[in-house]
C-alpha cells in the first residue's frame, strides 16, 4: 500500500485515512496555508481533538526530523529496508488500542479486533 500511496493511488483507502493523508500532505507541502477548515475536514471524517493533535504532532515531528537530517547531510543507515520504515495498519491499530484511542468513523475494521 505504501508504494501505491507514493505513486498517488488511493485504492482501498477509507474516508478517514484519506482525510488524514490530505491533511498530512498539505501540512508538509504548504504549512502556511493551513486553516481551521483543514481540522474541520478531519472532524468531519470522524477524528476528535486528541486524534487531530496526534496527527498534527506526528506529521510535524517527521517534517522537522527529516529537514534537520537533510540539513546536516545525514544518510540513512544501510541496514534499513523499506519494510523497516513502514507501519502497517495492523501495527497502527495495535498501538492505538494500547493507548485506548477510539477509531474515527469510517476507519476500516482490523482483523481480530
N, C-alpha and C. Protein backbone atom coordinates (compact mmCIF):
# COMPACT_ATOMS: atom_id res chain seq x y z
N UNK A 1 0.82 -1.19 0.00
CA UNK A 1 0.00 0.00 0.00
C UNK A 1 0.87 1.26 0.00
N UNK A 2 1.98 1.24 0.73
CA UNK A 2 2.85 2.42 0.79
C UNK A 2 3.35 2.82 -0.58
N UNK A 3 3.70 1.83 -1.40
CA UNK A 3 4.17 2.13 -2.76
C UNK A 3 3.06 2.74 -3.59
N UNK A 4 1.83 2.23 -3.44
CA UNK A 4 0.69 2.79 -4.18
C UNK A 4 0.45 4.24 -3.77
N UNK A 5 0.53 4.52 -2.47
CA UNK A 5 0.33 5.89 -1.99
C UNK A 5 1.43 6.80 -2.51
N UNK A 6 2.65 6.31 -2.53
CA UNK A 6 3.76 7.12 -3.03
C UNK A 6 3.57 7.48 -4.50
N UNK A 7 2.83 6.65 -5.23
CA UNK A 7 2.55 6.92 -6.65
C UNK A 7 1.24 7.70 -6.84
N UNK A 8 0.61 8.10 -5.73
CA UNK A 8 -0.60 8.90 -5.82
C UNK A 8 -1.89 8.11 -5.93
N UNK A 9 -1.82 6.79 -5.77
CA UNK A 9 -3.03 5.96 -5.84
C UNK A 9 -3.62 5.80 -4.46
N UNK A 10 -4.95 5.80 -4.38
CA UNK A 10 -5.63 5.69 -3.10
C UNK A 10 -6.59 4.51 -3.06
N UNK A 11 -6.31 3.48 -3.83
CA UNK A 11 -7.16 2.29 -3.85
C UNK A 11 -7.26 1.71 -2.45
N UNK A 12 -8.49 1.47 -1.99
CA UNK A 12 -8.70 0.83 -0.70
C UNK A 12 -8.51 1.74 0.51
N UNK A 13 -8.32 3.03 0.29
CA UNK A 13 -8.16 3.97 1.40
C UNK A 13 -9.54 4.49 1.78
N UNK A 14 -9.90 4.36 3.04
CA UNK A 14 -11.20 4.84 3.52
C UNK A 14 -11.23 6.35 3.66
N UNK A 15 -12.41 6.87 3.98
CA UNK A 15 -12.60 8.32 4.12
C UNK A 15 -11.70 8.91 5.19
N UNK A 16 -11.63 8.25 6.34
CA UNK A 16 -10.84 8.79 7.45
C UNK A 16 -9.35 8.81 7.09
N UNK A 17 -8.85 7.71 6.54
CA UNK A 17 -7.43 7.67 6.16
C UNK A 17 -7.13 8.67 5.06
N UNK A 18 -8.05 8.83 4.11
CA UNK A 18 -7.86 9.80 3.04
C UNK A 18 -7.79 11.23 3.57
N UNK A 19 -8.67 11.56 4.51
CA UNK A 19 -8.65 12.89 5.12
C UNK A 19 -7.35 13.13 5.87
N UNK A 20 -6.89 12.10 6.58
CA UNK A 20 -5.64 12.22 7.32
C UNK A 20 -4.46 12.42 6.36
N UNK A 21 -4.44 11.67 5.25
CA UNK A 21 -3.36 11.83 4.27
C UNK A 21 -3.39 13.20 3.61
N UNK A 22 -4.59 13.69 3.27
CA UNK A 22 -4.70 15.02 2.67
C UNK A 22 -4.16 16.09 3.62
N UNK A 23 -4.51 15.96 4.90
CA UNK A 23 -4.03 16.90 5.91
C UNK A 23 -2.50 16.84 6.00
N UNK A 24 -1.95 15.63 6.05
CA UNK A 24 -0.50 15.45 6.18
C UNK A 24 0.24 16.04 4.98
N UNK A 25 -0.29 15.82 3.79
CA UNK A 25 0.36 16.36 2.59
C UNK A 25 0.33 17.88 2.61
N UNK A 26 -0.82 18.46 2.94
CA UNK A 26 -0.92 19.92 2.95
C UNK A 26 -0.01 20.52 4.02
N UNK A 27 0.00 19.92 5.22
CA UNK A 27 0.85 20.43 6.29
C UNK A 27 2.33 20.32 5.92
N UNK A 28 2.69 19.29 5.19
CA UNK A 28 4.07 19.09 4.77
C UNK A 28 4.47 20.06 3.65
N UNK A 29 3.63 20.19 2.65
CA UNK A 29 4.00 20.99 1.47
C UNK A 29 3.65 22.47 1.58
N UNK A 30 2.57 22.79 2.31
CA UNK A 30 2.10 24.19 2.38
C UNK A 30 1.68 24.55 3.81
N UNK A 31 2.60 24.50 4.77
CA UNK A 31 2.21 24.71 6.17
C UNK A 31 1.57 26.07 6.43
N UNK A 32 1.99 27.09 5.71
CA UNK A 32 1.42 28.42 5.91
C UNK A 32 0.00 28.56 5.40
N UNK A 33 -0.48 27.59 4.64
CA UNK A 33 -1.83 27.64 4.09
C UNK A 33 -2.86 26.90 4.95
N UNK A 34 -2.42 26.33 6.07
CA UNK A 34 -3.35 25.58 6.92
C UNK A 34 -4.37 26.53 7.56
N UNK A 35 -5.63 26.08 7.61
CA UNK A 35 -6.70 26.87 8.22
C UNK A 35 -7.56 25.96 9.10
N UNK A 36 -8.52 26.56 9.79
CA UNK A 36 -9.46 25.77 10.59
C UNK A 36 -10.24 24.78 9.73
N UNK A 37 -10.42 25.12 8.48
CA UNK A 37 -11.12 24.21 7.57
C UNK A 37 -10.42 22.85 7.48
N UNK A 38 -9.10 22.86 7.55
CA UNK A 38 -8.34 21.61 7.46
C UNK A 38 -8.64 20.70 8.65
N UNK A 39 -8.69 21.26 9.85
CA UNK A 39 -9.05 20.43 11.00
C UNK A 39 -10.54 20.09 10.96
N UNK A 40 -11.34 20.95 10.37
CA UNK A 40 -12.76 20.65 10.20
C UNK A 40 -12.98 19.44 9.31
N UNK A 41 -12.16 19.31 8.28
CA UNK A 41 -12.27 18.14 7.40
C UNK A 41 -11.91 16.86 8.16
N UNK A 42 -10.93 16.94 9.06
CA UNK A 42 -10.60 15.78 9.88
C UNK A 42 -11.75 15.44 10.82
N UNK A 43 -12.36 16.47 11.43
CA UNK A 43 -13.51 16.22 12.31
C UNK A 43 -14.66 15.57 11.53
N UNK A 44 -14.90 16.06 10.33
CA UNK A 44 -15.97 15.50 9.50
C UNK A 44 -15.71 14.04 9.15
N UNK A 45 -14.44 13.65 9.13
CA UNK A 45 -14.07 12.26 8.84
C UNK A 45 -14.09 11.39 10.09
N UNK A 46 -14.41 12.01 11.26
CA UNK A 46 -14.55 11.23 12.48
C UNK A 46 -13.45 11.38 13.51
N UNK A 47 -12.47 12.23 13.25
CA UNK A 47 -11.39 12.41 14.21
C UNK A 47 -11.79 13.42 15.28
N UNK A 48 -11.45 13.12 16.52
CA UNK A 48 -11.67 14.04 17.63
C UNK A 48 -10.46 14.92 17.85
N UNK A 49 -10.56 15.81 18.84
CA UNK A 49 -9.49 16.76 19.11
C UNK A 49 -8.15 16.07 19.42
N UNK A 50 -8.18 15.03 20.23
CA UNK A 50 -6.93 14.35 20.58
C UNK A 50 -6.30 13.69 19.35
N UNK A 51 -7.11 13.06 18.53
CA UNK A 51 -6.58 12.42 17.32
C UNK A 51 -6.02 13.47 16.36
N UNK A 52 -6.69 14.60 16.23
CA UNK A 52 -6.21 15.68 15.35
C UNK A 52 -4.87 16.20 15.86
N UNK A 53 -4.77 16.39 17.17
CA UNK A 53 -3.49 16.82 17.75
C UNK A 53 -2.41 15.78 17.48
N UNK A 54 -2.73 14.51 17.66
CA UNK A 54 -1.76 13.44 17.39
C UNK A 54 -1.30 13.46 15.94
N UNK A 55 -2.25 13.59 15.02
CA UNK A 55 -1.91 13.64 13.59
C UNK A 55 -0.98 14.81 13.31
N UNK A 56 -1.34 15.98 13.81
CA UNK A 56 -0.54 17.18 13.58
C UNK A 56 0.86 17.02 14.17
N UNK A 57 0.94 16.49 15.38
CA UNK A 57 2.25 16.33 16.02
C UNK A 57 3.12 15.33 15.28
N UNK A 58 2.56 14.22 14.86
CA UNK A 58 3.35 13.21 14.15
C UNK A 58 3.85 13.75 12.81
N UNK A 59 2.96 14.39 12.05
CA UNK A 59 3.36 14.96 10.76
C UNK A 59 4.43 16.03 10.97
N UNK A 60 4.20 16.91 11.93
CA UNK A 60 5.15 18.00 12.19
C UNK A 60 6.49 17.46 12.66
N UNK A 61 6.46 16.47 13.54
CA UNK A 61 7.71 15.88 14.03
C UNK A 61 8.52 15.28 12.89
N UNK A 62 7.87 14.49 12.05
CA UNK A 62 8.60 13.87 10.94
C UNK A 62 9.12 14.91 9.96
N UNK A 63 8.36 15.96 9.72
CA UNK A 63 8.86 17.04 8.87
C UNK A 63 10.09 17.69 9.49
N UNK A 64 10.03 17.94 10.79
CA UNK A 64 11.16 18.55 11.49
C UNK A 64 12.40 17.65 11.42
N UNK A 65 12.24 16.39 11.78
CA UNK A 65 13.37 15.47 11.81
C UNK A 65 13.98 15.28 10.42
N UNK A 66 13.12 15.15 9.41
CA UNK A 66 13.64 14.99 8.05
C UNK A 66 14.39 16.23 7.58
N UNK A 67 13.86 17.42 7.89
CA UNK A 67 14.56 18.64 7.48
C UNK A 67 15.88 18.79 8.24
N UNK A 68 15.88 18.45 9.50
CA UNK A 68 17.10 18.50 10.30
C UNK A 68 18.15 17.55 9.72
N UNK A 69 17.74 16.31 9.45
CA UNK A 69 18.67 15.32 8.90
C UNK A 69 19.16 15.75 7.51
N UNK A 70 18.24 16.24 6.68
CA UNK A 70 18.65 16.70 5.35
C UNK A 70 19.61 17.88 5.46
N UNK A 71 19.32 18.80 6.36
CA UNK A 71 20.17 19.98 6.54
C UNK A 71 21.57 19.64 7.02
N UNK A 72 21.70 18.53 7.73
CA UNK A 72 23.00 18.10 8.23
C UNK A 72 23.66 17.06 7.33
N UNK A 73 22.98 16.67 6.27
CA UNK A 73 23.53 15.68 5.35
C UNK A 73 23.55 14.27 5.92
N UNK A 74 22.65 13.98 6.85
CA UNK A 74 22.60 12.66 7.48
C UNK A 74 22.05 11.64 6.48
N UNK A 75 22.74 10.53 6.36
CA UNK A 75 22.31 9.44 5.47
C UNK A 75 21.67 8.34 6.31
N UNK A 76 20.68 7.66 5.74
CA UNK A 76 20.08 6.52 6.41
C UNK A 76 21.09 5.38 6.49
N UNK A 77 21.07 4.68 7.61
CA UNK A 77 21.97 3.53 7.75
C UNK A 77 21.64 2.51 6.68
N UNK A 78 22.65 1.82 6.18
CA UNK A 78 22.49 0.87 5.07
C UNK A 78 21.58 -0.30 5.41
N UNK A 79 21.47 -0.65 6.70
CA UNK A 79 20.67 -1.82 7.06
C UNK A 79 19.16 -1.56 7.03
N UNK A 80 18.71 -0.31 6.90
CA UNK A 80 17.28 0.00 6.87
C UNK A 80 16.70 -0.39 5.51
N UNK A 81 15.63 -1.16 5.53
CA UNK A 81 14.91 -1.51 4.30
C UNK A 81 13.61 -0.73 4.27
N UNK A 82 12.95 -0.74 3.13
CA UNK A 82 11.66 -0.07 3.02
C UNK A 82 10.67 -0.65 4.03
N UNK A 83 10.69 -1.96 4.21
CA UNK A 83 9.77 -2.60 5.17
C UNK A 83 10.01 -2.11 6.59
N UNK A 84 11.24 -1.78 6.94
CA UNK A 84 11.55 -1.27 8.27
C UNK A 84 10.94 0.12 8.50
N UNK A 85 10.66 0.80 7.42
CA UNK A 85 10.20 2.18 7.52
C UNK A 85 8.69 2.32 7.45
N UNK A 86 7.97 1.21 7.36
CA UNK A 86 6.53 1.24 7.17
C UNK A 86 5.82 0.67 8.39
N UNK A 87 4.84 1.38 8.88
CA UNK A 87 3.98 0.91 9.96
C UNK A 87 2.69 0.41 9.32
N UNK A 88 2.41 -0.88 9.46
CA UNK A 88 1.20 -1.43 8.85
C UNK A 88 -0.04 -0.95 9.58
N UNK A 89 -1.18 -1.06 8.91
CA UNK A 89 -2.45 -0.68 9.55
C UNK A 89 -2.66 -1.49 10.82
N UNK A 90 -2.32 -2.79 10.79
CA UNK A 90 -2.50 -3.65 11.96
C UNK A 90 -1.61 -3.18 13.12
N UNK A 91 -0.35 -2.84 12.82
CA UNK A 91 0.55 -2.32 13.86
C UNK A 91 0.02 -1.01 14.43
N UNK A 92 -0.46 -0.14 13.54
CA UNK A 92 -1.02 1.14 13.98
C UNK A 92 -2.20 0.91 14.90
N UNK A 93 -3.12 0.03 14.49
CA UNK A 93 -4.31 -0.24 15.31
C UNK A 93 -3.93 -0.85 16.65
N UNK A 94 -2.94 -1.72 16.68
CA UNK A 94 -2.50 -2.31 17.95
C UNK A 94 -1.96 -1.23 18.88
N UNK A 95 -1.20 -0.31 18.33
CA UNK A 95 -0.69 0.80 19.15
C UNK A 95 -1.81 1.72 19.61
N UNK A 96 -2.79 1.96 18.71
CA UNK A 96 -3.93 2.80 19.08
C UNK A 96 -4.72 2.16 20.20
N UNK A 97 -4.95 0.85 20.10
CA UNK A 97 -5.68 0.13 21.13
C UNK A 97 -4.95 0.19 22.47
N UNK A 98 -3.65 0.04 22.42
CA UNK A 98 -2.84 0.09 23.64
C UNK A 98 -2.99 1.44 24.33
N UNK A 99 -3.09 2.50 23.53
CA UNK A 99 -3.25 3.85 24.09
C UNK A 99 -4.71 4.20 24.35
N UNK A 100 -5.62 3.29 23.98
CA UNK A 100 -7.07 3.45 24.19
C UNK A 100 -7.62 4.67 23.48
N UNK A 101 -7.20 4.85 22.24
CA UNK A 101 -7.71 5.95 21.42
C UNK A 101 -8.80 5.38 20.52
N UNK A 102 -10.01 5.96 20.55
CA UNK A 102 -11.09 5.42 19.73
C UNK A 102 -10.81 5.60 18.24
N UNK A 103 -11.33 4.66 17.45
CA UNK A 103 -11.21 4.74 16.00
C UNK A 103 -12.09 5.85 15.46
N UNK A 104 -11.63 6.54 14.41
CA UNK A 104 -12.50 7.54 13.78
C UNK A 104 -13.61 6.82 13.02
N UNK A 105 -14.71 7.53 12.79
CA UNK A 105 -15.78 6.97 11.96
C UNK A 105 -15.21 6.66 10.60
N UNK A 106 -15.62 5.56 10.01
CA UNK A 106 -15.20 5.23 8.66
C UNK A 106 -13.87 4.52 8.59
N UNK A 107 -13.20 4.33 9.75
CA UNK A 107 -11.94 3.59 9.72
C UNK A 107 -12.22 2.13 9.47
N UNK A 108 -11.41 1.49 8.64
CA UNK A 108 -11.66 0.09 8.35
C UNK A 108 -11.43 -0.78 9.57
N UNK A 109 -12.23 -1.83 9.74
CA UNK A 109 -12.00 -2.73 10.88
C UNK A 109 -10.70 -3.47 10.71
N UNK A 110 -10.11 -3.84 11.83
CA UNK A 110 -8.87 -4.59 11.81
C UNK A 110 -9.19 -6.03 12.16
N UNK A 111 -8.64 -6.97 11.40
CA UNK A 111 -8.88 -8.38 11.67
C UNK A 111 -8.49 -8.70 13.09
N UNK A 112 -9.38 -9.42 13.79
CA UNK A 112 -9.10 -9.86 15.15
C UNK A 112 -9.37 -8.79 16.20
N UNK A 113 -9.79 -7.59 15.79
CA UNK A 113 -10.03 -6.53 16.78
C UNK A 113 -11.49 -6.50 17.17
